[in-house]
Amino acid sequence: MHLTVISSLDALCRQQACEAAAAANPRAVVVLHDLLENGLVIRRVFSPAGLLERDETHLEHGCLSCTVRLDVVPTVERLLERGEECVIIGLPPAVSSEAAIGALRRGLPESVTIDSAVLACAPDTLEDHLWDRHTLFESGFTPVPEDHRTPGEFLVGELSFNDTVLLAEPALVPVDPAVRRRGVQLIQELAPHADVVADPGEIRPGRHDYQEALCRTLPGSVRIPAAVSASPFTTVTHRAERPLHPERFRDALTSLAEGCCWLRGRLWIAAAPRCRIAIQGIGPRVWLENTGPWLADQKAGAKPDPMNYVDAHLDWHPEHGDRCSVIAATGDGINAAQIAGLLSCCQLTDAEMDAGFAGLPDPFQLDPSANLAPHSN
């Protein structure tokens, strides 16, 4: 069996994408799940001849992960037993491909191949969604009040994980071509690894590499376009070899994030020098996350997961190992010199290095056992 997994922020994009993908592959069976209020899951299965199955299930815990684990996986299992060879899975809006494919890989035999992970996305709305301060629930994309992700967080996660972006046009009124083109350029800057297609027939089977996709979504990971484009959007990267002074970095953070659609990277902060701190900023929201010790600070005999340190060997320094700060900022009109200057000014001076790290203030309350609170831009 070959699977194509389609994720989306909203049901209109998903519906359009699944219908188009089915038309491009007439042998495919289409599975759609919708999570409604009070844990109600509606499942619809379509064959080329029409509706095969419609069922409703009440989940005790009406969450997105339960929908995948308790209904999507068993449905695909039944189709496999029935001999279906090609299945298109339209996930409920705001359910991530990473969560769904992880569950499918755990619950299905190895004979099942996931060909593509596809994000159905309306390019003309992308930039607005990235800057939306509301949660997915507040913006009406999920019935789960406990889901505190923003639309931008969901979309950046999907753009990082998925191998293909299928452009959708669910608007009832014509879209300004210039706005649409700008959205496509933003997609290409945020997801340089992905195929960006308007026709489902252009989706290339076999594009999905699960391990590589996970590496792209690791907190602290930095993946950037291989070449500068003519797009209004650019990505700027900068490295700092010395630890960052915590107070100076706190003061510079707002300026670093200003105007960035996406800010990401890893930080070496002097208040917690043995902790690899991931930074993530999507639209107006910026947060830090303690991802554990640097590879250079692993205890003797420890066997860390190599996937968690995919960039360590690229960053390795003979004196301080993989400890360093790497930041990438994507946006329109990003000033490379300003970002370099801000980050460089945060580095410890010679005198501060000689004095050691003890007694430095800790405005972020860095704690190896806890994530850090969001910072509003």
Protein backbone atom coordinates (compact mmCIF):
# COMPACT_ATOMS: atom_id res chain seq x y z
CA MET A 1 0.00 0.00 0.00
CA HIS A 2 1.16 3.53 -0.86
CA LEU A 3 -0.02 6.49 1.21
CA THR A 4 -0.15 10.20 0.49
CA VAL A 5 -0.78 12.27 3.63
CA ILE A 6 -2.32 15.73 3.15
CA SER A 7 -2.37 18.25 5.97
CA SER A 8 -3.89 21.72 6.00
CA LEU A 9 -4.80 24.61 8.22
CA ASP A 10 -8.43 24.66 7.12
CA ALA A 11 -11.02 22.29 5.67
CA LEU A 12 -11.45 24.20 2.40
CA CYS A 13 -7.79 23.84 1.41
CA ARG A 14 -7.86 20.18 2.38
CA GLN A 15 -11.05 19.46 0.45
CA GLN A 16 -9.74 21.10 -2.69
CA ALA A 17 -6.39 19.33 -2.42
CA CYS A 18 -7.87 15.88 -1.81
CA GLU A 19 -10.36 16.18 -4.67
CA ALA A 20 -7.60 17.28 -7.04
CA ALA A 21 -5.22 14.54 -5.85
CA ALA A 22 -7.92 11.90 -6.33
CA ALA A 23 -8.63 13.17 -9.85
CA ALA A 24 -4.92 12.88 -10.64
CA ASN A 25 -4.86 9.29 -9.31
CA PRO A 26 -8.13 7.56 -10.25
CA ARG A 27 -7.22 4.32 -8.45
CA ALA A 28 -6.89 6.02 -5.07
CA VAL A 29 -9.19 5.72 -2.08
CA VAL A 30 -9.61 8.97 -0.15
CA VAL A 31 -9.97 9.00 3.64
CA LEU A 32 -11.18 12.18 5.33
CA HIS A 33 -11.41 12.75 9.07
CA ASP A 34 -12.95 15.75 10.81
CA LEU A 35 -12.77 16.44 14.53
CA LEU A 36 -15.77 18.40 15.79
CA GLU A 37 -16.77 19.66 19.22
CA ASN A 38 -17.13 17.29 22.19
CA GLY A 39 -14.78 14.70 20.68
CA LEU A 40 -17.01 13.82 17.70
CA VAL A 41 -14.99 12.39 14.80
CA ILE A 42 -16.62 12.07 11.38
CA ARG A 43 -14.93 9.64 9.00
CA ARG A 44 -15.65 9.50 5.28
CA VAL A 45 -14.07 7.08 2.82
CA PHE A 46 -14.42 7.62 -0.92
CA SER A 47 -13.59 5.34 -3.83
CA PRO A 48 -13.60 6.43 -7.48
CA ALA A 49 -17.23 5.26 -7.58
CA GLY A 50 -18.35 7.47 -4.70
CA LEU A 51 -18.86 7.36 -0.93
CA LEU A 52 -17.90 3.98 0.55
CA GLU A 53 -18.22 4.70 4.23
CA ARG A 54 -19.40 7.38 6.62
CA ASP A 55 -19.20 6.91 10.35
CA GLU A 56 -19.22 8.93 13.55
CA THR A 57 -17.18 8.16 16.63
CA HIS A 58 -17.09 9.84 20.03
CA LEU A 59 -13.63 9.96 21.59
CA GLU A 60 -13.39 10.13 25.35
CA HIS A 61 -10.47 12.51 24.94
CA GLY A 62 -11.33 14.67 21.94
CA CYS A 63 -7.77 15.67 21.06
CA LEU A 64 -5.94 15.69 17.77
CA SER A 65 -3.48 12.93 18.62
CA CYS A 66 -6.31 10.65 19.79
CA THR A 67 -8.09 11.19 16.47
CA VAL A 68 -5.06 9.93 14.60
CA ARG A 69 -4.21 7.06 16.92
CA LEU A 70 -7.74 5.76 17.51
CA ASP A 71 -9.38 6.32 14.12
CA VAL A 72 -7.01 7.21 11.26
CA VAL A 73 -4.64 4.27 11.84
CA PRO A 74 -7.40 1.61 12.23
CA THR A 75 -9.13 2.91 9.09
CA VAL A 76 -5.95 2.48 7.02
CA GLU A 77 -5.49 -0.99 8.53
CA ARG A 78 -8.95 -2.01 7.28
CA LEU A 79 -8.20 -0.68 3.81
CA LEU A 80 -4.94 -2.61 3.77
CA GLU A 81 -6.75 -5.84 4.69
CA ARG A 82 -9.22 -5.15 1.91
CA GLY A 83 -6.39 -4.98 -0.62
CA GLU A 84 -6.38 -1.26 -1.41
CA GLU A 85 -3.07 -0.21 -2.97
CA CYS A 86 -3.26 3.58 -3.02
CA VAL A 87 -4.75 5.74 -0.27
CA ILE A 88 -4.93 9.53 0.12
CA ILE A 89 -5.35 10.61 3.74
CA GLY A 90 -6.85 14.05 4.33
CA LEU A 91 -6.00 14.86 7.94
CA PRO A 92 -8.31 16.96 10.12
CA PRO A 93 -7.40 20.65 9.90
CA ALA A 94 -4.43 21.60 12.11
CA VAL A 95 -3.33 17.98 12.62
CA SER A 96 0.37 17.79 11.80
CA SER A 97 1.79 15.37 9.27
CA GLU A 98 4.60 14.59 11.71
CA ALA A 99 2.17 13.32 14.37
CA ALA A 100 0.07 11.41 11.84
CA ILE A 101 2.97 9.76 10.01
CA GLY A 102 4.63 8.84 13.30
CA ALA A 103 1.43 7.08 14.39
CA LEU A 104 1.01 5.39 10.99
CA ARG A 105 4.60 4.12 11.07
CA ARG A 106 4.09 2.70 14.56
CA GLY A 107 0.71 1.14 13.84
CA LEU A 108 1.09 -0.25 10.32
CA PRO A 109 3.31 -2.98 8.84
CA GLU A 110 6.50 -2.12 6.96
CA SER A 111 4.81 -3.08 3.69
CA VAL A 112 2.99 0.28 3.84
CA THR A 113 4.95 3.06 2.12
CA ILE A 114 4.37 6.74 2.78
CA ASP A 115 5.09 8.32 -0.59
CA SER A 116 4.52 11.99 0.16
CA ALA A 117 3.68 14.35 2.98
CA VAL A 118 1.81 17.25 1.40
CA LEU A 119 0.74 20.58 2.86
CA ALA A 120 -2.30 22.11 1.15
CA CYS A 121 -1.77 25.85 1.50
CA ALA A 122 -3.36 29.01 0.09
CA PRO A 123 -0.30 31.18 -0.61
CA ASP A 124 -2.20 34.48 -0.50
CA THR A 125 -3.11 33.92 3.18
CA LEU A 126 0.21 32.53 4.43
CA GLU A 127 1.84 35.77 5.54
CA ASP A 128 -1.25 36.89 7.46
CA HIS A 129 -1.45 33.52 9.22
CA LEU A 130 2.22 33.75 10.27
CA TRP A 131 1.51 37.06 12.03
CA ASP A 132 -1.76 35.94 13.65
CA ARG A 133 -1.43 36.30 17.45
CA HIS A 134 -4.47 34.12 18.18
CA THR A 135 -4.40 30.41 18.92
CA LEU A 136 -5.73 27.84 16.46
CA PHE A 137 -8.83 27.52 18.64
CA GLU A 138 -9.38 31.27 18.86
CA SER A 139 -9.01 31.59 15.07
CA GLY A 140 -11.53 28.78 14.49
CA PHE A 141 -9.20 26.18 12.99
CA THR A 142 -9.64 23.54 15.72
CA PRO A 143 -12.39 22.69 18.24
CA VAL A 144 -9.77 21.96 20.92
CA PRO A 145 -9.48 24.87 23.40
CA GLU A 146 -6.31 23.39 24.90
CA ASP A 147 -4.44 23.73 21.60
CA HIS A 148 -2.36 26.86 22.21
CA ARG A 149 -0.44 26.81 18.93
CA THR A 150 -0.89 29.75 16.60
CA PRO A 151 -1.71 29.29 12.90
CA GLY A 152 1.86 30.34 12.12
CA GLU A 153 3.35 27.70 14.40
CA PHE A 154 1.31 25.00 12.68
CA LEU A 155 2.22 26.19 9.18
CA VAL A 156 5.96 26.57 9.84
CA GLY A 157 6.00 23.08 11.37
CA GLU A 158 4.30 21.66 8.28
CA LEU A 159 6.52 23.58 5.87
CA SER A 160 9.55 22.16 7.69
CA PHE A 161 8.36 18.55 7.84
CA ASN A 162 6.46 18.05 4.59
CA ASP A 163 8.21 17.31 1.31
CA THR A 164 5.59 18.93 -0.94
CA VAL A 165 3.40 22.06 -0.83
CA LEU A 166 0.26 21.90 -2.98
CA LEU A 167 -0.99 25.41 -3.73
CA ALA A 168 -4.70 25.83 -3.03
CA GLU A 169 -7.13 28.55 -4.05
CA PRO A 170 -10.22 28.11 -1.86
CA ALA A 171 -11.17 31.81 -1.91
CA LEU A 172 -14.64 32.60 -3.26
CA VAL A 173 -13.34 35.79 -4.89
CA PRO A 174 -10.38 36.06 -7.28
CA VAL A 175 -7.00 36.48 -5.60
CA ASP A 176 -4.66 39.30 -6.58
CA PRO A 177 -1.92 37.58 -8.63
CA ALA A 178 0.76 39.76 -6.99
CA VAL A 179 -0.35 38.68 -3.52
CA ARG A 180 -0.41 35.05 -4.59
CA ARG A 181 3.06 35.32 -6.14
CA ARG A 182 4.40 36.89 -2.94
CA GLY A 183 2.95 34.00 -0.94
CA VAL A 184 4.59 31.44 -3.22
CA GLN A 185 7.92 33.21 -2.82
CA LEU A 186 7.53 33.09 0.96
CA ILE A 187 6.79 29.35 0.82
CA GLN A 188 9.92 28.76 -1.25
CA GLU A 189 12.03 30.72 1.24
CA LEU A 190 10.61 28.95 4.29
CA ALA A 191 10.70 25.46 2.75
CA PRO A 192 13.61 25.32 0.28
CA HIS A 193 13.63 21.50 0.43
CA ALA A 194 10.01 21.15 -0.71
CA ASP A 195 8.43 20.77 -4.13
CA VAL A 196 5.94 23.63 -4.58
CA VAL A 197 3.28 22.54 -7.09
CA ALA A 198 -0.06 23.80 -8.34
CA ASP A 199 -1.05 20.52 -10.01
CA PRO A 200 -1.43 17.33 -7.92
CA GLY A 201 -0.13 15.42 -10.93
CA GLU A 202 3.26 17.02 -10.19
CA ILE A 203 3.50 15.42 -6.73
CA ARG A 204 6.47 13.07 -6.94
CA PRO A 205 5.97 9.68 -5.19
CA GLY A 206 8.83 8.61 -2.98
CA ARG A 207 9.78 12.15 -1.90
CA HIS A 208 9.10 11.51 1.78
CA ASP A 209 12.18 10.79 3.93
CA TYR A 210 10.95 10.43 7.51
CA GLN A 211 14.32 10.74 9.26
CA GLU A 212 15.34 13.76 7.22
CA ALA A 213 11.96 15.37 7.87
CA LEU A 214 12.40 14.88 11.62
CA CYS A 215 15.86 16.45 11.47
CA ARG A 216 14.39 19.54 9.81
CA THR A 217 11.92 20.02 12.68
CA LEU A 218 14.32 19.51 15.59
CA PRO A 219 14.38 22.51 17.95
CA GLY A 220 17.56 24.46 17.25
CA SER A 221 17.96 23.07 13.73
CA VAL A 222 18.85 25.58 11.01
CA ARG A 223 18.10 24.82 7.36
CA ILE A 224 18.39 27.64 4.84
CA PRO A 225 18.03 28.05 1.06
CA ALA A 226 21.12 27.00 -0.86
CA ALA A 227 21.12 30.14 -3.00
CA VAL A 228 19.87 33.71 -2.80
CA SER A 229 16.69 34.26 -4.84
CA ALA A 230 15.12 37.30 -6.44
CA SER A 231 12.29 37.06 -3.89
CA PRO A 232 11.54 39.97 -1.53
CA PHE A 233 12.09 37.46 1.27
CA THR A 234 15.61 36.61 2.38
CA THR A 235 17.20 34.45 5.07
CA VAL A 236 20.14 35.79 7.05
CA THR A 237 22.32 33.62 9.29
CA HIS A 238 24.89 34.62 11.87
CA ARG A 239 27.14 32.74 14.29
CA ALA A 240 28.62 33.81 17.61
CA GLU A 241 31.54 31.75 18.89
CA ARG A 242 31.46 33.07 22.47
CA PRO A 243 28.68 32.67 25.05
CA LEU A 244 26.01 35.36 25.06
CA HIS A 245 25.56 37.66 28.05
CA PRO A 246 22.00 36.89 29.26
CA GLU A 247 20.92 40.47 29.96
CA ARG A 248 22.37 41.91 26.78
CA PHE A 249 20.71 39.14 24.79
CA ARG A 250 17.37 39.78 26.52
CA ASP A 251 17.63 43.46 25.59
CA ALA A 252 18.52 42.62 21.96
CA LEU A 253 15.87 39.93 21.46
CA THR A 254 13.04 42.22 20.38
CA SER A 255 15.27 43.92 17.81
CA LEU A 256 16.52 40.56 16.54
CA ALA A 257 12.98 39.27 16.02
CA GLU A 258 11.49 42.47 14.64
CA GLY A 259 10.14 41.96 11.12
CA CYS A 260 11.07 38.25 11.02
CA CYS A 261 8.47 35.84 9.73
CA TRP A 262 10.62 33.06 11.15
CA LEU A 263 13.53 33.25 13.58
CA ARG A 264 15.23 30.01 14.64
CA GLY A 265 18.52 28.61 15.86
CA ARG A 266 20.44 27.53 18.95
CA LEU A 267 22.05 29.64 21.64
CA TRP A 268 25.01 29.39 24.01
CA ILE A 269 23.94 31.58 26.93
CA ALA A 270 26.43 32.22 29.71
CA ALA A 271 23.81 31.91 32.47
CA ALA A 272 23.38 28.22 31.50
CA PRO A 273 26.57 27.40 29.58
CA ARG A 274 26.04 23.62 29.49
CA CYS A 275 22.52 23.91 28.06
CA ARG A 276 21.76 23.99 24.34
CA ILE A 277 18.99 26.59 24.11
CA ALA A 278 16.76 26.55 21.02
CA ILE A 279 15.20 29.80 19.88
CA GLN A 280 12.05 29.87 17.77
CA GLY A 281 10.19 32.95 16.62
CA ILE A 282 7.15 32.76 14.32
CA GLY A 283 5.47 36.05 13.54
CA PRO A 284 4.81 37.95 16.79
CA ARG A 285 5.70 35.09 19.14
CA VAL A 286 9.24 34.22 20.24
CA TRP A 287 10.22 31.54 22.74
CA LEU A 288 13.26 29.72 24.05
CA GLU A 289 13.48 26.01 24.82
CA ASN A 290 16.10 24.13 26.81
CA THR A 291 16.93 21.06 24.69
CA GLY A 292 19.41 19.55 27.15
CA PRO A 293 23.21 19.49 27.28
CA TRP A 294 25.49 20.22 24.37
CA LEU A 295 27.15 17.17 22.87
CA ALA A 296 30.43 18.45 24.36
CA ASP A 297 28.81 18.39 27.82
CA GLN A 298 27.46 14.84 27.68
CA LYS A 299 28.53 12.70 30.60
CA ALA A 300 31.21 10.10 30.00
CA GLY A 301 29.65 6.88 28.71
CA ALA A 302 26.44 8.58 27.65
CA LYS A 303 24.88 7.45 24.39
CA PRO A 304 22.90 10.44 23.08
CA ASP A 305 20.53 10.06 20.17
CA PRO A 306 22.61 11.05 17.10
CA MET A 307 19.56 12.63 15.48
CA ASN A 308 19.41 15.22 18.26
CA TYR A 309 22.90 16.42 17.33
CA VAL A 310 22.80 16.46 13.54
CA ASP A 311 24.52 19.87 13.44
CA ALA A 312 27.06 19.22 16.20
CA HIS A 313 29.84 17.94 13.98
CA LEU A 314 29.37 20.82 11.54
CA ASP A 315 29.75 23.28 14.42
CA TRP A 316 32.59 21.45 16.20
CA HIS A 317 35.39 23.66 17.52
CA PRO A 318 38.67 22.27 18.95
CA GLU A 319 38.24 24.28 22.16
CA HIS A 320 34.52 24.51 22.92
CA GLY A 321 33.10 21.64 20.86
CA ASP A 322 29.61 22.22 19.48
CA ARG A 323 28.89 25.12 21.83
CA CYS A 324 28.08 28.25 19.85
CA SER A 325 25.12 30.40 18.83
CA VAL A 326 23.62 30.09 15.35
CA ILE A 327 20.61 32.20 14.33
CA ALA A 328 18.69 32.30 11.05
CA ALA A 329 16.15 35.03 10.34
CA THR A 330 13.70 35.01 7.43
CA GLY A 331 11.65 38.01 6.41
CA ASP A 332 11.12 40.88 4.02
CA GLY A 333 13.88 43.48 4.24
CA ILE A 334 16.00 41.66 6.82
CA ASN A 335 19.14 43.68 7.64
CA ALA A 336 22.07 41.27 7.81
CA ALA A 337 24.48 43.83 9.26
CA GLN A 338 22.02 44.75 12.03
CA ILE A 339 21.52 41.12 13.07
CA ALA A 340 25.27 40.48 13.03
CA GLY A 341 25.90 43.60 15.10
CA LEU A 342 23.20 42.79 17.66
CA LEU A 343 24.39 39.24 18.19
CA SER A 344 28.06 40.20 18.29
CA CYS A 345 27.40 42.81 20.98
CA CYS A 346 25.76 40.12 23.12
CA GLN A 347 28.95 38.03 23.27
CA LEU A 348 31.01 38.06 26.46
CA THR A 349 34.01 40.37 26.45
CA ASP A 350 37.53 39.18 27.23
CA ALA A 351 37.15 40.46 30.78
CA GLU A 352 33.82 38.66 31.22
CA MET A 353 35.30 35.44 29.85
CA ASP A 354 38.22 35.71 32.30
CA ALA A 355 35.83 36.37 35.22
CA GLY A 356 33.88 33.17 34.52
CA PHE A 357 30.14 32.56 34.32
CA ALA A 358 29.31 32.29 38.02
CA GLY A 359 27.00 34.96 39.38
CA LEU A 360 25.65 36.12 36.03
CA PRO A 361 22.00 37.22 36.10
CA ASP A 362 19.46 34.82 34.64
CA PRO A 363 16.54 36.87 33.25
CA PHE A 364 15.17 33.87 31.34
CA GLN A 365 15.24 31.62 34.42
CA LEU A 366 17.04 28.90 32.50
CA ASP A 367 16.32 25.51 34.01
CA PRO A 368 17.45 22.19 32.50
CA SER A 369 14.17 20.57 33.51
CA ALA A 370 11.75 23.15 32.07
CA ASN A 371 10.89 24.91 28.86
CA LEU A 372 11.06 28.67 28.77
CA ALA A 373 8.12 31.00 28.61
CA PRO A 374 7.14 32.75 25.36
CA HIS A 375 8.36 36.27 24.70
CA SER A 376 6.07 38.64 22.82
CA ASN A 377 7.57 40.55 19.92
